[in-house]
Structure formats: structure tokens, C-alpha cells
Amino acid sequence: SGPALLKVITRFEFSKEMGDEFDYDLRIYEDNVFKTMQYFQTKRSKKVAYSGETNAAAGFKKVFLMDVPEGEHVYKIEVKKPGSGSVLCRPFLKTKVK
């Protein structure tokens, strides 16, 4: 519920076949209405690893912030180029003091 500040931490997942750098775009929708586009360029992280055998490697984290207006809202985040890879998103909501 707003007013609030939405902070989203993202990480692109690299497959073993991919290079060490990748650009990705995210489209953000508020209540099914396009709100904004976020553009990121990331590199394969050498420090972040998944446990066990996996075909994926994490990229560096990228962050974006968005103001949430008053009231309740539904947000959708989608990768602009489907099939380009997975993007992990972790949202945080900080309520603004009125």
C-alpha cells in the first residue's frame, strides 16, 4: 500500500554457454498499465555461486527504485526479450511517512 518506495534488486542468470557480459531490459507495469522501462548491463559474478551442479551463474546485482502512489497496487515485471535468460527479482517496500 502506498505511498511507499519500491526497491527491486535484480540479478541476471547466465548460462554456461553465454559470454561474461549481458544487457537486459525490464518493463514494469502498475495495475496492468505500462509504467517504466529499466535498462541494465551486467557481468558474470565470480563471487556469487549456486550450490550443487547447475548450468546457471549469477550476474552482478542491479537495483531500481520506484515511487508507489497512495492506495493498493499490483506490479508486474517482465523481461523485454523473452527467451534471453532469467532475471531474479527481489522486491522491498518501504512505507513513506505521511
N, C-alpha and C. Protein backbone atom coordinates (compact mmCIF):
# COMPACT_ATOMS: atom_id res chain seq x y z
N SER A 1 0.83 -1.20 0.00
CA SER A 1 0.00 0.00 0.00
C SER A 1 0.87 1.25 0.00
N GLY A 2 0.49 2.19 -0.80
CA GLY A 2 1.25 3.43 -0.88
C GLY A 2 0.66 4.51 0.00
N PRO A 3 1.31 5.62 0.15
CA PRO A 3 2.55 5.95 -0.55
C PRO A 3 3.73 5.17 0.04
N ALA A 4 4.60 4.73 -0.85
CA ALA A 4 5.76 3.94 -0.44
C ALA A 4 6.84 4.04 -1.50
N LEU A 5 7.99 3.47 -1.17
CA LEU A 5 9.11 3.38 -2.10
C LEU A 5 9.35 1.91 -2.37
N LEU A 6 9.31 1.52 -3.64
CA LEU A 6 9.56 0.14 -4.04
C LEU A 6 11.01 0.04 -4.50
N LYS A 7 11.76 -0.84 -3.86
CA LYS A 7 13.15 -1.10 -4.22
C LYS A 7 13.20 -2.53 -4.74
N VAL A 8 13.75 -2.72 -5.94
CA VAL A 8 13.84 -4.06 -6.52
C VAL A 8 15.30 -4.35 -6.84
N ILE A 9 15.79 -5.46 -6.28
CA ILE A 9 17.15 -5.93 -6.58
C ILE A 9 17.02 -7.03 -7.62
N THR A 10 17.77 -6.91 -8.70
CA THR A 10 17.71 -7.89 -9.78
C THR A 10 19.07 -8.52 -10.01
N ARG A 11 19.05 -9.75 -10.50
CA ARG A 11 20.26 -10.46 -10.94
C ARG A 11 19.91 -11.24 -12.19
N PHE A 12 20.70 -11.06 -13.22
CA PHE A 12 20.53 -11.84 -14.45
C PHE A 12 21.22 -13.19 -14.25
N GLU A 13 20.60 -14.27 -14.74
CA GLU A 13 21.21 -15.60 -14.66
C GLU A 13 21.87 -15.95 -16.00
N PHE A 14 23.18 -16.14 -15.95
CA PHE A 14 23.94 -16.54 -17.13
C PHE A 14 23.95 -18.06 -17.24
N SER A 15 23.82 -18.55 -18.47
CA SER A 15 24.04 -19.98 -18.70
C SER A 15 25.52 -20.16 -19.00
N LYS A 16 25.99 -21.39 -18.93
CA LYS A 16 27.41 -21.66 -19.18
C LYS A 16 27.82 -21.26 -20.60
N GLU A 17 26.88 -21.30 -21.53
CA GLU A 17 27.19 -21.02 -22.94
C GLU A 17 27.31 -19.52 -23.23
N MET A 18 26.82 -18.68 -22.33
CA MET A 18 26.82 -17.23 -22.56
C MET A 18 28.19 -16.63 -22.28
N GLY A 19 28.40 -15.44 -22.82
CA GLY A 19 29.62 -14.70 -22.54
C GLY A 19 29.61 -14.17 -21.12
N ASP A 20 30.53 -13.26 -20.81
CA ASP A 20 30.66 -12.73 -19.45
C ASP A 20 29.89 -11.43 -19.23
N GLU A 21 29.30 -10.85 -20.29
CA GLU A 21 28.54 -9.61 -20.17
C GLU A 21 27.20 -9.76 -20.88
N PHE A 22 26.19 -9.04 -20.36
CA PHE A 22 24.86 -9.11 -20.97
C PHE A 22 24.07 -7.85 -20.64
N ASP A 23 23.29 -7.37 -21.60
CA ASP A 23 22.37 -6.25 -21.40
C ASP A 23 20.96 -6.82 -21.29
N TYR A 24 20.18 -6.28 -20.35
CA TYR A 24 18.78 -6.71 -20.26
C TYR A 24 17.90 -5.54 -19.89
N ASP A 25 16.65 -5.62 -20.34
CA ASP A 25 15.66 -4.57 -20.11
C ASP A 25 14.48 -5.18 -19.37
N LEU A 26 13.94 -4.43 -18.43
CA LEU A 26 12.75 -4.86 -17.70
C LEU A 26 11.64 -3.85 -17.93
N ARG A 27 10.46 -4.35 -18.20
CA ARG A 27 9.26 -3.50 -18.29
C ARG A 27 8.51 -3.63 -16.98
N ILE A 28 8.12 -2.50 -16.41
CA ILE A 28 7.40 -2.51 -15.14
C ILE A 28 6.00 -1.96 -15.38
N TYR A 29 5.01 -2.73 -14.92
CA TYR A 29 3.61 -2.37 -15.05
C TYR A 29 3.01 -2.15 -13.66
N GLU A 30 2.18 -1.11 -13.56
CA GLU A 30 1.45 -0.83 -12.33
C GLU A 30 -0.03 -0.95 -12.65
N ASP A 31 -0.71 -1.89 -11.99
CA ASP A 31 -2.13 -2.13 -12.25
C ASP A 31 -2.40 -2.38 -13.73
N ASN A 32 -1.55 -3.19 -14.36
CA ASN A 32 -1.64 -3.59 -15.77
C ASN A 32 -1.43 -2.44 -16.76
N VAL A 33 -0.87 -1.33 -16.30
CA VAL A 33 -0.56 -0.20 -17.18
C VAL A 33 0.96 -0.02 -17.18
N PHE A 34 1.55 0.05 -18.39
CA PHE A 34 2.99 0.24 -18.51
C PHE A 34 3.41 1.50 -17.77
N LYS A 35 4.41 1.35 -16.89
CA LYS A 35 4.86 2.48 -16.06
C LYS A 35 6.24 2.98 -16.50
N THR A 36 7.21 2.05 -16.65
CA THR A 36 8.57 2.46 -16.97
C THR A 36 9.37 1.27 -17.50
N MET A 37 10.51 1.59 -18.09
CA MET A 37 11.45 0.56 -18.57
C MET A 37 12.77 0.80 -17.84
N GLN A 38 13.40 -0.27 -17.40
CA GLN A 38 14.70 -0.18 -16.75
C GLN A 38 15.71 -0.92 -17.62
N TYR A 39 16.86 -0.27 -17.86
CA TYR A 39 17.91 -0.84 -18.71
C TYR A 39 19.12 -1.17 -17.84
N PHE A 40 19.65 -2.37 -18.00
CA PHE A 40 20.80 -2.78 -17.20
C PHE A 40 21.86 -3.44 -18.07
N GLN A 41 23.10 -3.29 -17.65
CA GLN A 41 24.22 -4.00 -18.24
C GLN A 41 24.92 -4.69 -17.08
N THR A 42 25.15 -5.98 -17.19
CA THR A 42 25.74 -6.72 -16.08
C THR A 42 26.85 -7.63 -16.58
N LYS A 43 27.62 -8.10 -15.63
CA LYS A 43 28.70 -9.06 -15.90
C LYS A 43 28.48 -10.28 -15.03
N ARG A 44 29.05 -11.38 -15.47
CA ARG A 44 29.01 -12.62 -14.69
C ARG A 44 29.78 -12.40 -13.39
N SER A 45 29.17 -12.75 -12.27
CA SER A 45 29.82 -12.59 -10.97
C SER A 45 30.74 -13.79 -10.71
N LYS A 46 31.93 -13.49 -10.24
CA LYS A 46 32.87 -14.56 -9.90
C LYS A 46 32.73 -14.94 -8.42
N LYS A 47 32.00 -14.12 -7.64
CA LYS A 47 31.87 -14.35 -6.20
C LYS A 47 30.57 -15.04 -5.81
N VAL A 48 29.52 -14.84 -6.60
CA VAL A 48 28.22 -15.43 -6.27
C VAL A 48 28.09 -16.75 -7.03
N ALA A 49 27.84 -17.83 -6.28
CA ALA A 49 27.71 -19.15 -6.90
C ALA A 49 26.51 -19.88 -6.32
N TYR A 50 25.89 -20.72 -7.13
CA TYR A 50 24.79 -21.56 -6.67
C TYR A 50 25.38 -22.85 -6.11
N SER A 51 24.75 -23.39 -5.08
CA SER A 51 25.23 -24.65 -4.54
C SER A 51 24.80 -25.81 -5.43
N GLY A 52 25.62 -26.85 -5.49
CA GLY A 52 25.29 -28.01 -6.32
C GLY A 52 25.65 -27.78 -7.78
N GLU A 53 25.42 -28.79 -8.58
CA GLU A 53 25.67 -28.71 -10.02
C GLU A 53 24.54 -27.93 -10.68
N THR A 54 24.90 -26.89 -11.37
CA THR A 54 23.89 -26.10 -12.07
C THR A 54 24.48 -25.54 -13.36
N ASN A 55 23.63 -25.24 -14.30
CA ASN A 55 24.06 -24.68 -15.57
C ASN A 55 24.04 -23.15 -15.53
N ALA A 56 23.65 -22.57 -14.40
CA ALA A 56 23.47 -21.12 -14.31
C ALA A 56 24.54 -20.47 -13.42
N ALA A 57 24.84 -19.22 -13.72
CA ALA A 57 25.72 -18.39 -12.90
C ALA A 57 25.07 -17.02 -12.76
N ALA A 58 25.17 -16.42 -11.61
CA ALA A 58 24.53 -15.13 -11.35
C ALA A 58 25.37 -13.97 -11.87
N GLY A 59 24.65 -12.92 -12.29
CA GLY A 59 25.32 -11.68 -12.66
C GLY A 59 25.37 -10.77 -11.45
N PHE A 60 26.05 -9.63 -11.59
CA PHE A 60 26.09 -8.65 -10.51
C PHE A 60 24.69 -8.12 -10.26
N LYS A 61 24.40 -7.77 -9.02
CA LYS A 61 23.07 -7.25 -8.72
C LYS A 61 22.91 -5.84 -9.27
N LYS A 62 21.70 -5.54 -9.69
CA LYS A 62 21.32 -4.22 -10.17
C LYS A 62 20.06 -3.82 -9.41
N VAL A 63 19.91 -2.53 -9.14
CA VAL A 63 18.82 -2.05 -8.30
C VAL A 63 18.07 -0.93 -9.01
N PHE A 64 16.74 -0.92 -8.85
CA PHE A 64 15.97 0.25 -9.27
C PHE A 64 14.95 0.59 -8.20
N LEU A 65 14.58 1.87 -8.17
CA LEU A 65 13.62 2.40 -7.19
C LEU A 65 12.42 2.98 -7.92
N MET A 66 11.27 2.86 -7.29
CA MET A 66 10.03 3.41 -7.86
C MET A 66 9.14 3.94 -6.76
N ASP A 67 8.54 5.09 -6.98
CA ASP A 67 7.55 5.60 -6.04
C ASP A 67 6.24 4.86 -6.24
N VAL A 68 5.62 4.47 -5.13
CA VAL A 68 4.31 3.82 -5.16
C VAL A 68 3.28 4.83 -4.68
N PRO A 69 2.29 5.16 -5.51
CA PRO A 69 1.29 6.14 -5.09
C PRO A 69 0.37 5.58 -4.01
N GLU A 70 -0.41 6.47 -3.44
CA GLU A 70 -1.34 6.09 -2.37
C GLU A 70 -2.30 5.00 -2.86
N GLY A 71 -2.65 4.08 -1.97
CA GLY A 71 -3.58 3.01 -2.30
C GLY A 71 -2.87 1.69 -2.54
N GLU A 72 -3.65 0.67 -2.90
CA GLU A 72 -3.10 -0.66 -3.18
C GLU A 72 -2.91 -0.83 -4.67
N HIS A 73 -1.79 -1.47 -5.05
CA HIS A 73 -1.44 -1.63 -6.46
C HIS A 73 -0.85 -3.01 -6.69
N VAL A 74 -0.94 -3.46 -7.94
CA VAL A 74 -0.34 -4.71 -8.37
C VAL A 74 0.75 -4.36 -9.38
N TYR A 75 1.96 -4.92 -9.16
CA TYR A 75 3.08 -4.65 -10.05
C TYR A 75 3.48 -5.91 -10.78
N LYS A 76 3.84 -5.74 -12.06
CA LYS A 76 4.34 -6.85 -12.86
C LYS A 76 5.65 -6.41 -13.49
N ILE A 77 6.64 -7.29 -13.41
CA ILE A 77 7.94 -7.02 -14.02
C ILE A 77 8.18 -8.11 -15.06
N GLU A 78 8.49 -7.70 -16.30
CA GLU A 78 8.75 -8.69 -17.33
C GLU A 78 10.03 -8.36 -18.07
N VAL A 79 10.72 -9.41 -18.52
CA VAL A 79 11.93 -9.25 -19.33
C VAL A 79 11.48 -8.85 -20.73
N LYS A 80 12.07 -7.80 -21.27
CA LYS A 80 11.64 -7.27 -22.57
C LYS A 80 11.82 -8.29 -23.69
N LYS A 81 12.94 -9.03 -23.67
CA LYS A 81 13.21 -10.01 -24.72
C LYS A 81 13.03 -11.41 -24.15
N PRO A 82 11.82 -11.97 -24.21
CA PRO A 82 11.62 -13.32 -23.68
C PRO A 82 12.58 -14.32 -24.33
N GLY A 83 13.06 -15.25 -23.53
CA GLY A 83 14.00 -16.24 -24.04
C GLY A 83 15.44 -15.81 -23.95
N SER A 84 15.67 -14.56 -23.50
CA SER A 84 17.04 -14.08 -23.40
C SER A 84 17.72 -14.54 -22.12
N GLY A 85 16.96 -15.08 -21.20
CA GLY A 85 17.52 -15.55 -19.94
C GLY A 85 16.59 -15.21 -18.79
N SER A 86 16.92 -15.72 -17.63
CA SER A 86 16.10 -15.46 -16.44
C SER A 86 16.66 -14.28 -15.66
N VAL A 87 15.76 -13.51 -15.09
CA VAL A 87 16.15 -12.41 -14.22
C VAL A 87 15.48 -12.65 -12.87
N LEU A 88 16.29 -12.74 -11.83
CA LEU A 88 15.77 -12.90 -10.48
C LEU A 88 15.47 -11.51 -9.93
N CYS A 89 14.29 -11.34 -9.33
CA CYS A 89 13.88 -10.05 -8.78
C CYS A 89 13.47 -10.22 -7.33
N ARG A 90 13.97 -9.33 -6.48
CA ARG A 90 13.61 -9.35 -5.06
C ARG A 90 13.10 -7.96 -4.68
N PRO A 91 11.79 -7.83 -4.43
CA PRO A 91 11.22 -6.51 -4.11
C PRO A 91 11.24 -6.22 -2.61
N PHE A 92 11.41 -4.95 -2.28
CA PHE A 92 11.32 -4.44 -0.92
C PHE A 92 10.41 -3.21 -0.95
N LEU A 93 9.52 -3.10 0.01
CA LEU A 93 8.60 -1.97 0.06
C LEU A 93 8.81 -1.20 1.36
N LYS A 94 9.12 0.08 1.24
CA LYS A 94 9.33 0.93 2.42
C LYS A 94 8.21 1.98 2.44
N THR A 95 7.38 1.91 3.47
CA THR A 95 6.26 2.85 3.59
C THR A 95 6.80 4.24 3.88
N LYS A 96 6.25 5.22 3.17
CA LYS A 96 6.63 6.62 3.41
C LYS A 96 5.80 7.17 4.55
N VAL A 97 6.43 8.01 5.35
CA VAL A 97 5.71 8.67 6.44
C VAL A 97 4.88 9.79 5.85
N LYS A 98 3.60 9.81 6.22
CA LYS A 98 2.70 10.83 5.68
C LYS A 98 2.88 12.15 6.37
